[in-house]
Amino acid sequence: MARPSPYPPELRERAVRMVTEVRPNYPNEWSAMKAVAAKLGIKTPETVRTWVRKAEIEAGQRPGVTTAEAEEIKRLKAENAELRRANEILKAASAFFAAELDRPSRRS
């Protein structure tokens, strides 16, 4: 499980918005990200870059797995694992009862 971010969601959204707004004032996107990180007191511009990329994926501007898709995949993997465990239990029970039926009856 990912550790919680020390930055609130509002700050992340503001940083992404600011990068988009100030981008034309800088020679490249990285310079804009560094400036925004410094203005908002974010430790590293890499953090801002990650937020911007994630926002682009969520908006469909960049290929990748959205948060909703990642959560659905995680849920389906857990469900799949649970179904596999249940299937193994049913196989074991079936083998046990089949063996019981093959044994000769002791009642007369």
PDB file of N, CA and C in Angstrom:
ATOM      1  N   MET A   1       0.845  -1.166   0.000  1.00  0.00           N
ATOM      2  CA  MET A   1       0.000   0.000   0.000  1.00  0.00           C
ATOM      3  C   MET A   1       0.896   1.236   0.000  1.00  0.00           C
ATOM      4  N   ALA A   2       0.520   2.230  -0.773  1.00  0.00           N
ATOM      5  CA  ALA A   2       1.303   3.453  -0.883  1.00  0.00           C
ATOM      6  C   ALA A   2       1.158   4.280   0.395  1.00  0.00           C
ATOM      7  N   ARG A   3       2.234   4.949   0.727  1.00  0.00           N
ATOM      8  CA  ARG A   3       2.171   5.786   1.929  1.00  0.00           C
ATOM      9  C   ARG A   3       1.434   7.077   1.590  1.00  0.00           C
ATOM     10  N   PRO A   4       0.767   7.668   2.582  1.00  0.00           N
ATOM     11  CA  PRO A   4       0.012   8.885   2.301  1.00  0.00           C
ATOM     12  C   PRO A   4       0.955  10.044   1.956  1.00  0.00           C
ATOM     13  N   SER A   5       0.483  10.917   1.088  1.00  0.00           N
ATOM     14  CA  SER A   5       1.270  12.062   0.654  1.00  0.00           C
ATOM     15  C   SER A   5       1.253  13.144   1.733  1.00  0.00           C
ATOM     16  N   PRO A   6       2.385  13.808   1.927  1.00  0.00           N
ATOM     17  CA  PRO A   6       2.386  14.908   2.895  1.00  0.00           C
ATOM     18  C   PRO A   6       1.700  16.160   2.332  1.00  0.00           C
ATOM     19  N   TYR A   7       1.354  16.116   1.055  1.00  0.00           N
ATOM     20  CA  TYR A   7       0.726  17.263   0.399  1.00  0.00           C
ATOM     21  C   TYR A   7      -0.763  17.010   0.205  1.00  0.00           C
ATOM     22  N   PRO A   8      -1.592  17.991   0.567  1.00  0.00           N
ATOM     23  CA  PRO A   8      -3.042  17.807   0.387  1.00  0.00           C
ATOM     24  C   PRO A   8      -3.426  17.821  -1.094  1.00  0.00           C
ATOM     25  N   PRO A   9      -4.544  17.193  -1.437  1.00  0.00           N
ATOM     26  CA  PRO A   9      -4.988  17.157  -2.836  1.00  0.00           C
ATOM     27  C   PRO A   9      -5.165  18.544  -3.459  1.00  0.00           C
ATOM     28  N   GLU A  10      -5.589  19.523  -2.641  1.00  0.00           N
ATOM     29  CA  GLU A  10      -5.783  20.876  -3.162  1.00  0.00           C
ATOM     30  C   GLU A  10      -4.461  21.453  -3.665  1.00  0.00           C
ATOM     31  N   LEU A  11      -3.373  21.183  -2.940  1.00  0.00           N
ATOM     32  CA  LEU A  11      -2.060  21.670  -3.349  1.00  0.00           C
ATOM     33  C   LEU A  11      -1.623  20.997  -4.657  1.00  0.00           C
ATOM     34  N   ARG A  12      -1.888  19.718  -4.770  1.00  0.00           N
ATOM     35  CA  ARG A  12      -1.546  18.998  -6.007  1.00  0.00           C
ATOM     36  C   ARG A  12      -2.284  19.598  -7.203  1.00  0.00           C
ATOM     37  N   GLU A  13      -3.582  19.807  -7.030  1.00  0.00           N
ATOM     38  CA  GLU A  13      -4.382  20.378  -8.120  1.00  0.00           C
ATOM     39  C   GLU A  13      -3.887  21.776  -8.489  1.00  0.00           C
ATOM     40  N   ARG A  14      -3.554  22.569  -7.475  1.00  0.00           N
ATOM     41  CA  ARG A  14      -3.054  23.923  -7.715  1.00  0.00           C
ATOM     42  C   ARG A  14      -1.724  23.884  -8.462  1.00  0.00           C
ATOM     43  N   ALA A  15      -0.834  22.975  -8.073  1.00  0.00           N
ATOM     44  CA  ALA A  15       0.466  22.859  -8.733  1.00  0.00           C
ATOM     45  C   ALA A  15       0.304  22.483 -10.204  1.00  0.00           C
ATOM     46  N   VAL A  16      -0.567  21.533 -10.485  1.00  0.00           N
ATOM     47  CA  VAL A  16      -0.806  21.107 -11.870  1.00  0.00           C
ATOM     48  C   VAL A  16      -1.361  22.277 -12.682  1.00  0.00           C
ATOM     49  N   ARG A  17      -2.316  22.986 -12.096  1.00  0.00           N
ATOM     50  CA  ARG A  17      -2.902  24.141 -12.769  1.00  0.00           C
ATOM     51  C   ARG A  17      -1.844  25.218 -13.036  1.00  0.00           C
ATOM     52  N   MET A  18      -1.000  25.463 -12.044  1.00  0.00           N
ATOM     53  CA  MET A  18       0.034  26.487 -12.189  1.00  0.00           C
ATOM     54  C   MET A  18       1.035  26.123 -13.282  1.00  0.00           C
ATOM     55  N   VAL A  19       1.431  24.859 -13.351  1.00  0.00           N
ATOM     56  CA  VAL A  19       2.366  24.433 -14.400  1.00  0.00           C
ATOM     57  C   VAL A  19       1.760  24.709 -15.770  1.00  0.00           C
ATOM     58  N   THR A  20       0.492  24.394 -15.931  1.00  0.00           N
ATOM     59  CA  THR A  20      -0.179  24.631 -17.209  1.00  0.00           C
ATOM     60  C   THR A  20      -0.213  26.123 -17.534  1.00  0.00           C
ATOM     61  N   GLU A  21      -0.476  26.942 -16.519  1.00  0.00           N
ATOM     62  CA  GLU A  21      -0.591  28.379 -16.734  1.00  0.00           C
ATOM     63  C   GLU A  21       0.749  29.049 -17.034  1.00  0.00           C
ATOM     64  N   VAL A  22       1.813  28.634 -16.330  1.00  0.00           N
ATOM     65  CA  VAL A  22       3.104  29.329 -16.485  1.00  0.00           C
ATOM     66  C   VAL A  22       4.004  28.691 -17.535  1.00  0.00           C
ATOM     67  N   ARG A  23       3.611  27.563 -18.070  1.00  0.00           N
ATOM     68  CA  ARG A  23       4.446  26.853 -19.052  1.00  0.00           C
ATOM     69  C   ARG A  23       4.932  27.743 -20.197  1.00  0.00           C
ATOM     70  N   PRO A  24       4.074  28.602 -20.793  1.00  0.00           N
ATOM     71  CA  PRO A  24       4.549  29.440 -21.900  1.00  0.00           C
ATOM     72  C   PRO A  24       5.659  30.426 -21.510  1.00  0.00           C
ATOM     73  N   ASN A  25       5.812  30.711 -20.221  1.00  0.00           N
ATOM     74  CA  ASN A  25       6.819  31.665 -19.756  1.00  0.00           C
ATOM     75  C   ASN A  25       8.201  31.039 -19.580  1.00  0.00           C
ATOM     76  N   TYR A  26       8.329  29.744 -19.789  1.00  0.00           N
ATOM     77  CA  TYR A  26       9.592  29.035 -19.563  1.00  0.00           C
ATOM     78  C   TYR A  26      10.019  28.310 -20.832  1.00  0.00           C
ATOM     79  N   PRO A  27      11.338  28.054 -20.955  1.00  0.00           N
ATOM     80  CA  PRO A  27      11.821  27.398 -22.174  1.00  0.00           C
ATOM     81  C   PRO A  27      11.358  25.954 -22.325  1.00  0.00           C
ATOM     82  N   ASN A  28      11.079  25.299 -21.200  1.00  0.00           N
ATOM     83  CA  ASN A  28      10.584  23.922 -21.267  1.00  0.00           C
ATOM     84  C   ASN A  28       9.709  23.624 -20.057  1.00  0.00           C
ATOM     85  N   GLU A  29       9.044  22.506 -20.123  1.00  0.00           N
ATOM     86  CA  GLU A  29       8.102  22.140 -19.057  1.00  0.00           C
ATOM     87  C   GLU A  29       8.812  21.904 -17.727  1.00  0.00           C
ATOM     88  N   TRP A  30       9.999  21.319 -17.769  1.00  0.00           N
ATOM     89  CA  TRP A  30      10.738  21.034 -16.543  1.00  0.00           C
ATOM     90  C   TRP A  30      11.061  22.321 -15.787  1.00  0.00           C
ATOM     91  N   SER A  31      11.436  23.370 -16.512  1.00  0.00           N
ATOM     92  CA  SER A  31      11.724  24.655 -15.871  1.00  0.00           C
ATOM     93  C   SER A  31      10.472  25.205 -15.182  1.00  0.00           C
ATOM     94  N   ALA A  32       9.333  25.064 -15.845  1.00  0.00           N
ATOM     95  CA  ALA A  32       8.071  25.508 -15.247  1.00  0.00           C
ATOM     96  C   ALA A  32       7.772  24.698 -13.986  1.00  0.00           C
ATOM     97  N   MET A  33       8.020  23.394 -14.027  1.00  0.00           N
ATOM     98  CA  MET A  33       7.767  22.537 -12.864  1.00  0.00           C
ATOM     99  C   MET A  33       8.684  22.909 -11.705  1.00  0.00           C
ATOM    100  N   LYS A  34       9.946  23.192 -11.996  1.00  0.00           N
ATOM    101  CA  LYS A  34      10.884  23.601 -10.946  1.00  0.00           C
ATOM    102  C   LYS A  34      10.436  24.908 -10.294  1.00  0.00           C
ATOM    103  N   ALA A  35       9.978  25.859 -11.108  1.00  0.00           N
ATOM    104  CA  ALA A  35       9.529  27.146 -10.578  1.00  0.00           C
ATOM    105  C   ALA A  35       8.291  26.986  -9.700  1.00  0.00           C
ATOM    106  N   VAL A  36       7.348  26.190 -10.148  1.00  0.00           N
ATOM    107  CA  VAL A  36       6.115  25.962  -9.380  1.00  0.00           C
ATOM    108  C   VAL A  36       6.447  25.262  -8.067  1.00  0.00           C
ATOM    109  N   ALA A  37       7.314  24.262  -8.115  1.00  0.00           N
ATOM    110  CA  ALA A  37       7.698  23.551  -6.886  1.00  0.00           C
ATOM    111  C   ALA A  37       8.321  24.523  -5.887  1.00  0.00           C
ATOM    112  N   ALA A  38       9.191  25.403  -6.367  1.00  0.00           N
ATOM    113  CA  ALA A  38       9.834  26.376  -5.483  1.00  0.00           C
ATOM    114  C   ALA A  38       8.803  27.347  -4.897  1.00  0.00           C
ATOM    115  N   LYS A  39       7.878  27.821  -5.713  1.00  0.00           N
ATOM    116  CA  LYS A  39       6.867  28.784  -5.252  1.00  0.00           C
ATOM    117  C   LYS A  39       5.940  28.182  -4.210  1.00  0.00           C
ATOM    118  N   LEU A  40       5.618  26.900  -4.367  1.00  0.00           N
ATOM    119  CA  LEU A  40       4.660  26.257  -3.457  1.00  0.00           C
ATOM    120  C   LEU A  40       5.334  25.537  -2.288  1.00  0.00           C
ATOM    121  N   GLY A  41       6.660  25.553  -2.251  1.00  0.00           N
ATOM    122  CA  GLY A  41       7.364  24.908  -1.145  1.00  0.00           C
ATOM    123  C   GLY A  41       7.358  23.391  -1.220  1.00  0.00           C
ATOM    124  N   ILE A  42       7.322  22.866  -2.429  1.00  0.00           N
ATOM    125  CA  ILE A  42       7.352  21.419  -2.627  1.00  0.00           C
ATOM    126  C   ILE A  42       8.816  21.010  -2.720  1.00  0.00           C
ATOM    127  N   LYS A  43       9.200  19.985  -1.979  1.00  0.00           N
ATOM    128  CA  LYS A  43      10.610  19.606  -1.830  1.00  0.00           C
ATOM    129  C   LYS A  43      11.338  19.396  -3.148  1.00  0.00           C
ATOM    130  N   THR A  44      10.703  18.706  -4.081  1.00  0.00           N
ATOM    131  CA  THR A  44      11.386  18.371  -5.329  1.00  0.00           C
ATOM    132  C   THR A  44      10.465  18.588  -6.527  1.00  0.00           C
ATOM    133  N   PRO A  45      10.999  19.094  -7.620  1.00  0.00           N
ATOM    134  CA  PRO A  45      10.171  19.268  -8.812  1.00  0.00           C
ATOM    135  C   PRO A  45       9.701  17.936  -9.404  1.00  0.00           C
ATOM    136  N   GLU A  46      10.392  16.857  -9.076  1.00  0.00           N
ATOM    137  CA  GLU A  46       9.971  15.532  -9.552  1.00  0.00           C
ATOM    138  C   GLU A  46       8.568  15.208  -9.041  1.00  0.00           C
ATOM    139  N   THR A  47       8.257  15.656  -7.837  1.00  0.00           N
ATOM    140  CA  THR A  47       6.921  15.451  -7.283  1.00  0.00           C
ATOM    141  C   THR A  47       5.881  16.140  -8.151  1.00  0.00           C
ATOM    142  N   VAL A  48       6.166  17.372  -8.548  1.00  0.00           N
ATOM    143  CA  VAL A  48       5.241  18.118  -9.401  1.00  0.00           C
ATOM    144  C   VAL A  48       5.122  17.432 -10.764  1.00  0.00           C
ATOM    145  N   ARG A  49       6.253  16.945 -11.295  1.00  0.00           N
ATOM    146  CA  ARG A  49       6.226  16.250 -12.586  1.00  0.00           C
ATOM    147  C   ARG A  49       5.312  15.033 -12.516  1.00  0.00           C
ATOM    148  N   THR A  50       5.401  14.274 -11.434  1.00  0.00           N
ATOM    149  CA  THR A  50       4.558  13.092 -11.249  1.00  0.00           C
ATOM    150  C   THR A  50       3.080  13.486 -11.216  1.00  0.00           C
ATOM    151  N   TRP A  51       2.772  14.572 -10.507  1.00  0.00           N
ATOM    152  CA  TRP A  51       1.375  15.024 -10.432  1.00  0.00           C
ATOM    153  C   TRP A  51       0.864  15.450 -11.801  1.00  0.00           C
ATOM    154  N   VAL A  52       1.701  16.162 -12.554  1.00  0.00           N
ATOM    155  CA  VAL A  52       1.297  16.633 -13.882  1.00  0.00           C
ATOM    156  C   VAL A  52       1.044  15.441 -14.797  1.00  0.00           C
ATOM    157  N   ARG A  53       1.947  14.462 -14.799  1.00  0.00           N
ATOM    158  CA  ARG A  53       1.768  13.283 -15.652  1.00  0.00           C
ATOM    159  C   ARG A  53       0.502  12.529 -15.282  1.00  0.00           C
ATOM    160  N   LYS A  54       0.259  12.369 -13.989  1.00  0.00           N
ATOM    161  CA  LYS A  54      -0.942  11.655 -13.536  1.00  0.00           C
ATOM    162  C   LYS A  54      -2.199  12.405 -13.982  1.00  0.00           C
ATOM    163  N   ALA A  55      -2.182  13.727 -13.880  1.00  0.00           N
ATOM    164  CA  ALA A  55      -3.335  14.530 -14.311  1.00  0.00           C
ATOM    165  C   ALA A  55      -3.552  14.383 -15.821  1.00  0.00           C
ATOM    166  N   GLU A  56      -2.468  14.321 -16.579  1.00  0.00           N
ATOM    167  CA  GLU A  56      -2.587  14.139 -18.029  1.00  0.00           C
ATOM    168  C   GLU A  56      -3.193  12.774 -18.364  1.00  0.00           C
ATOM    169  N   ILE A  57      -2.797  11.752 -17.629  1.00  0.00           N
ATOM    170  CA  ILE A  57      -3.364  10.411 -17.844  1.00  0.00           C
ATOM    171  C   ILE A  57      -4.851  10.414 -17.502  1.00  0.00           C
ATOM    172  N   GLU A  58      -5.198  11.014 -16.367  1.00  0.00           N
ATOM    173  CA  GLU A  58      -6.601  11.067 -15.940  1.00  0.00           C
ATOM    174  C   GLU A  58      -7.464  11.825 -16.960  1.00  0.00           C
ATOM    175  N   ALA A  59      -6.876  12.854 -17.587  1.00  0.00           N
ATOM    176  CA  ALA A  59      -7.614  13.665 -18.567  1.00  0.00           C
ATOM    177  C   ALA A  59      -7.633  13.022 -19.950  1.00  0.00           C
ATOM    178  N   GLY A  60      -6.893  11.921 -20.128  1.00  0.00           N
ATOM    179  CA  GLY A  60      -6.858  11.243 -21.415  1.00  0.00           C
ATOM    180  C   GLY A  60      -5.902  11.882 -22.410  1.00  0.00           C
ATOM    181  N   GLN A  61      -5.040  12.760 -21.941  1.00  0.00           N
ATOM    182  CA  GLN A  61      -4.073  13.432 -22.811  1.00  0.00           C
ATOM    183  C   GLN A  61      -2.800  12.617 -22.988  1.00  0.00           C
ATOM    184  N   ARG A  62      -2.617  11.621 -22.157  1.00  0.00           N
ATOM    185  CA  ARG A  62      -1.413  10.805 -22.176  1.00  0.00           C
ATOM    186  C   ARG A  62      -1.834   9.357 -21.939  1.00  0.00           C
ATOM    187  N   PRO A  63      -1.192   8.413 -22.635  1.00  0.00           N
ATOM    188  CA  PRO A  63      -1.565   7.011 -22.401  1.00  0.00           C
ATOM    189  C   PRO A  63      -1.147   6.559 -20.998  1.00  0.00           C
ATOM    190  N   GLY A  64      -1.920   5.673 -20.438  1.00  0.00           N
ATOM    191  CA  GLY A  64      -1.609   5.144 -19.114  1.00  0.00           C
ATOM    192  C   GLY A  64      -2.876   4.649 -18.437  1.00  0.00           C
ATOM    193  N   VAL A  65      -2.698   4.097 -17.256  1.00  0.00           N
ATOM    194  CA  VAL A  65      -3.810   3.539 -16.486  1.00  0.00           C
ATOM    195  C   VAL A  65      -4.323   4.611 -15.528  1.00  0.00           C
ATOM    196  N   THR A  66      -5.608   4.921 -15.634  1.00  0.00           N
ATOM    197  CA  THR A  66      -6.200   5.913 -14.744  1.00  0.00           C
ATOM    198  C   THR A  66      -6.357   5.328 -13.345  1.00  0.00           C
ATOM    199  N   THR A  67      -6.620   6.196 -12.393  1.00  0.00           N
ATOM    200  CA  THR A  67      -6.814   5.757 -11.010  1.00  0.00           C
ATOM    201  C   THR A  67      -7.991   4.794 -10.910  1.00  0.00           C
ATOM    202  N   ALA A  68      -9.082   5.112 -11.590  1.00  0.00           N
ATOM    203  CA  ALA A  68     -10.264   4.243 -11.551  1.00  0.00           C
ATOM    204  C   ALA A  68      -9.954   2.868 -12.138  1.00  0.00           C
ATOM    205  N   GLU A  69      -9.214   2.845 -13.245  1.00  0.00           N
ATOM    206  CA  GLU A  69      -8.844   1.567 -13.861  1.00  0.00           C
ATOM    207  C   GLU A  69      -7.925   0.768 -12.943  1.00  0.00           C
ATOM    208  N   ALA A  70      -6.983   1.437 -12.300  1.00  0.00           N
ATOM    209  CA  ALA A  70      -6.060   0.751 -11.384  1.00  0.00           C
ATOM    210  C   ALA A  70      -6.823   0.151 -10.205  1.00  0.00           C
ATOM    211  N   GLU A  71      -7.790   0.892  -9.674  1.00  0.00           N
ATOM    212  CA  GLU A  71      -8.596   0.376  -8.564  1.00  0.00           C
ATOM    213  C   GLU A  71      -9.429  -0.825  -9.000  1.00  0.00           C
ATOM    214  N   GLU A  72      -9.981  -0.762 -10.207  1.00  0.00           N
ATOM    215  CA  GLU A  72     -10.776  -1.876 -10.729  1.00  0.00           C
ATOM    216  C   GLU A  72      -9.908  -3.114 -10.933  1.00  0.00           C
ATOM    217  N   ILE A  73      -8.712  -2.925 -11.455  1.00  0.00           N
ATOM    218  CA  ILE A  73      -7.785  -4.050 -11.652  1.00  0.00           C
ATOM    219  C   ILE A  73      -7.430  -4.670 -10.306  1.00  0.00           C
ATOM    220  N   LYS A  74      -7.160  -3.829  -9.322  1.00  0.00           N
ATOM    221  CA  LYS A  74      -6.822  -4.325  -7.981  1.00  0.00           C
ATOM    222  C   LYS A  74      -7.985  -5.126  -7.394  1.00  0.00           C
ATOM    223  N   ARG A  75      -9.221  -4.595  -7.552  1.00  0.00           N
ATOM    224  CA  ARG A  75     -10.398  -5.287  -7.034  1.00  0.00           C
ATOM    225  C   ARG A  75     -10.595  -6.629  -7.729  1.00  0.00           C
ATOM    226  N   LEU A  76     -10.416  -6.648  -9.049  1.00  0.00           N
ATOM    227  CA  LEU A  76     -10.596  -7.885  -9.807  1.00  0.00           C
ATOM    228  C   LEU A  76      -9.529  -8.919  -9.460  1.00  0.00           C
ATOM    229  N   LYS A  77      -8.300  -8.477  -9.220  1.00  0.00           N
ATOM    230  CA  LYS A  77      -7.240  -9.410  -8.820  1.00  0.00           C
ATOM    231  C   LYS A  77      -7.561 -10.047  -7.470  1.00  0.00           C
ATOM    232  N   ALA A  78      -8.064  -9.239  -6.540  1.00  0.00           N
ATOM    233  CA  ALA A  78      -8.433  -9.773  -5.224  1.00  0.00           C
ATOM    234  C   ALA A  78      -9.591 -10.765  -5.352  1.00  0.00           C
ATOM    235  N   GLU A  79     -10.571 -10.406  -6.173  1.00  0.00           N
ATOM    236  CA  GLU A  79     -11.709 -11.307  -6.387  1.00  0.00           C
ATOM    237  C   GLU A  79     -11.251 -12.608  -7.038  1.00  0.00           C
ATOM    238  N   ASN A  80     -10.353 -12.506  -8.010  1.00  0.00           N
ATOM    239  CA  ASN A  80      -9.818 -13.680  -8.689  1.00  0.00           C
ATOM    240  C   ASN A  80      -9.092 -14.590  -7.697  1.00  0.00           C
ATOM    241  N   ALA A  81      -8.282 -13.996  -6.820  1.00  0.00           N
ATOM    242  CA  ALA A  81      -7.553 -14.787  -5.824  1.00  0.00           C
ATOM    243  C   ALA A  81      -8.522 -15.501  -4.885  1.00  0.00           C
ATOM    244  N   GLU A  82      -9.580 -14.804  -4.465  1.00  0.00           N
ATOM    245  CA  GLU A  82     -10.576 -15.412  -3.582  1.00  0.00           C
ATOM    246  C   GLU A  82     -11.292 -16.563  -4.283  1.00  0.00           C
ATOM    247  N   LEU A  83     -11.624 -16.392  -5.549  1.00  0.00           N
ATOM    248  CA  LEU A  83     -12.280 -17.464  -6.302  1.00  0.00           C
ATOM    249  C   LEU A  83     -11.356 -18.671  -6.482  1.00  0.00           C
ATOM    250  N   ARG A  84     -10.077 -18.413  -6.691  1.00  0.00           N
ATOM    251  CA  ARG A  84      -9.115 -19.524  -6.801  1.00  0.00           C
ATOM    252  C   ARG A  84      -9.033 -20.313  -5.486  1.00  0.00           C
ATOM    253  N   ARG A  85      -9.022 -19.565  -4.346  1.00  0.00           N
ATOM    254  CA  ARG A  85      -8.986 -20.247  -3.036  1.00  0.00           C
ATOM    255  C   ARG A  85     -10.245 -21.083  -2.845  1.00  0.00           C
ATOM    256  N   ALA A  86     -11.395 -20.525  -3.185  1.00  0.00           N
ATOM    257  CA  ALA A  86     -12.660 -21.259  -3.035  1.00  0.00           C
ATOM    258  C   ALA A  86     -12.661 -22.490  -3.933  1.00  0.00           C
ATOM    259  N   ASN A  87     -12.138 -22.371  -5.134  1.00  0.00           N
ATOM    260  CA  ASN A  87     -12.076 -23.491  -6.062  1.00  0.00           C
ATOM    261  C   ASN A  87     -11.192 -24.606  -5.504  1.00  0.00           C
ATOM    262  N   GLU A  88     -10.060 -24.239  -4.916  1.00  0.00           N
ATOM    263  CA  GLU A  88      -9.176 -25.250  -4.322  1.00  0.00           C
ATOM    264  C   GLU A  88      -9.867 -25.969  -3.163  1.00  0.00           C
ATOM    265  N   ILE A  89     -10.617 -25.240  -2.365  1.00  0.00           N
ATOM    266  CA  ILE A  89     -11.357 -25.852  -1.250  1.00  0.00           C
ATOM    267  C   ILE A  89     -12.399 -26.827  -1.797  1.00  0.00           C
ATOM    268  N   LEU A  90     -13.101 -26.426  -2.829  1.00  0.00           N
ATOM    269  CA  LEU A  90     -14.124 -27.302  -3.418  1.00  0.00           C
ATOM    270  C   LEU A  90     -13.494 -28.545  -4.045  1.00  0.00           C
ATOM    271  N   LYS A  91     -12.336 -28.407  -4.671  1.00  0.00           N
ATOM    272  CA  LYS A  91     -11.646 -29.576  -5.238  1.00  0.00           C
ATOM    273  C   LYS A  91     -11.254 -30.551  -4.140  1.00  0.00           C
ATOM    274  N   ALA A  92     -10.727 -30.025  -3.040  1.00  0.00           N
ATOM    275  CA  ALA A  92     -10.320 -30.881  -1.928  1.00  0.00           C
ATOM    276  C   ALA A  92     -11.533 -31.593  -1.326  1.00  0.00           C
ATOM    277  N   ALA A  93     -12.631 -30.875  -1.156  1.00  0.00           N
ATOM    278  CA  ALA A  93     -13.848 -31.477  -0.602  1.00  0.00           C
ATOM    279  C   ALA A  93     -14.387 -32.539  -1.545  1.00  0.00           C
ATOM    280  N   SER A  94     -14.348 -32.269  -2.833  1.00  0.00           N
ATOM    281  CA  SER A  94     -14.829 -33.234  -3.817  1.00  0.00           C
ATOM    282  C   SER A  94     -13.996 -34.510  -3.763  1.00  0.00           C
ATOM    283  N   ALA A  95     -12.678 -34.362  -3.678  1.00  0.00           N
ATOM    284  CA  ALA A  95     -11.806 -35.538  -3.606  1.00  0.00           C
ATOM    285  C   ALA A  95     -12.077 -36.326  -2.324  1.00  0.00           C
ATOM    286  N   PHE A  96     -12.290 -35.612  -1.207  1.00  0.00           N
ATOM    287  CA  PHE A  96     -12.571 -36.277   0.063  1.00  0.00           C
ATOM    288  C   PHE A  96     -13.860 -37.089  -0.018  1.00  0.00           C
ATOM    289  N   PHE A  97     -14.922 -36.476  -0.538  1.00  0.00           N
ATOM    290  CA  PHE A  97     -16.199 -37.178  -0.600  1.00  0.00           C
ATOM    291  C   PHE A  97     -16.187 -38.294  -1.637  1.00  0.00           C
ATOM    292  N   ALA A  98     -15.438 -38.139  -2.696  1.00  0.00           N
ATOM    293  CA  ALA A  98     -15.322 -39.211  -3.692  1.00  0.00           C
ATOM    294  C   ALA A  98     -14.626 -40.411  -3.054  1.00  0.00           C
ATOM    295  N   ALA A  99     -13.616 -40.152  -2.236  1.00  0.00           N
ATOM    296  CA  ALA A  99     -12.912 -41.249  -1.548  1.00  0.00           C
ATOM    297  C   ALA A  99     -13.850 -41.930  -0.555  1.00  0.00           C
ATOM    298  N   GLU A 100     -14.688 -41.169   0.105  1.00  0.00           N
ATOM    299  CA  GLU A 100     -15.648 -41.740   1.058  1.00  0.00           C
ATOM    300  C   GLU A 100     -16.626 -42.672   0.339  1.00  0.00           C
ATOM    301  N   LEU A 101     -17.052 -42.305  -0.857  1.00  0.00           N
ATOM    302  CA  LEU A 101     -17.998 -43.133  -1.595  1.00  0.00           C
ATOM    303  C   LEU A 101     -17.352 -44.415  -2.100  1.00  0.00           C
ATOM    304  N   ASP A 102     -16.044 -44.400  -2.356  1.00  0.00           N
ATOM    305  CA  ASP A 102     -15.346 -45.586  -2.856  1.00  0.00           C
ATOM    306  C   ASP A 102     -15.066 -46.607  -1.760  1.00  0.00           C
ATOM    307  N   ARG A 103     -15.097 -46.196  -0.502  1.00  0.00           N
ATOM    308  CA  ARG A 103     -14.824 -47.118   0.594  1.00  0.00           C
ATOM    309  C   ARG A 103     -16.012 -48.087   0.783  1.00  0.00           C
ATOM    310  N   PRO A 104     -15.691 -49.338   1.085  1.00  0.00           N
ATOM    311  CA  PRO A 104     -16.806 -50.272   1.314  1.00  0.00           C
ATOM    312  C   PRO A 104     -17.554 -49.901   2.587  1.00  0.00           C
ATOM    313  N   SER A 105     -18.838 -50.109   2.554  1.00  0.00           N
ATOM    314  CA  SER A 105     -19.676 -49.784   3.694  1.00  0.00           C
ATOM    315  C   SER A 105     -19.449 -50.791   4.808  1.00  0.00           C
ATOM    316  N   ARG A 106     -19.380 -50.320   6.050  1.00  0.00           N
ATOM    317  CA  ARG A 106     -19.160 -51.203   7.199  1.00  0.00           C
ATOM    318  C   ARG A 106     -20.482 -51.625   7.828  1.00  0.00           C
ATOM    319  N   ARG A 107     -21.559 -51.054   7.336  1.00  0.00           N
ATOM    320  CA  ARG A 107     -22.869 -51.442   7.889  1.00  0.00           C
ATOM    321  C   ARG A 107     -23.384 -52.698   7.199  1.00  0.00           C
ATOM    322  N   SER A 108     -24.027 -53.578   7.938  1.00  0.00           N
ATOM    323  CA  SER A 108     -24.617 -54.774   7.351  1.00  0.00           C
ATOM    324  C   SER A 108     -26.018 -54.970   7.825  1.00  0.00           C
TER     325      SER A 108
END
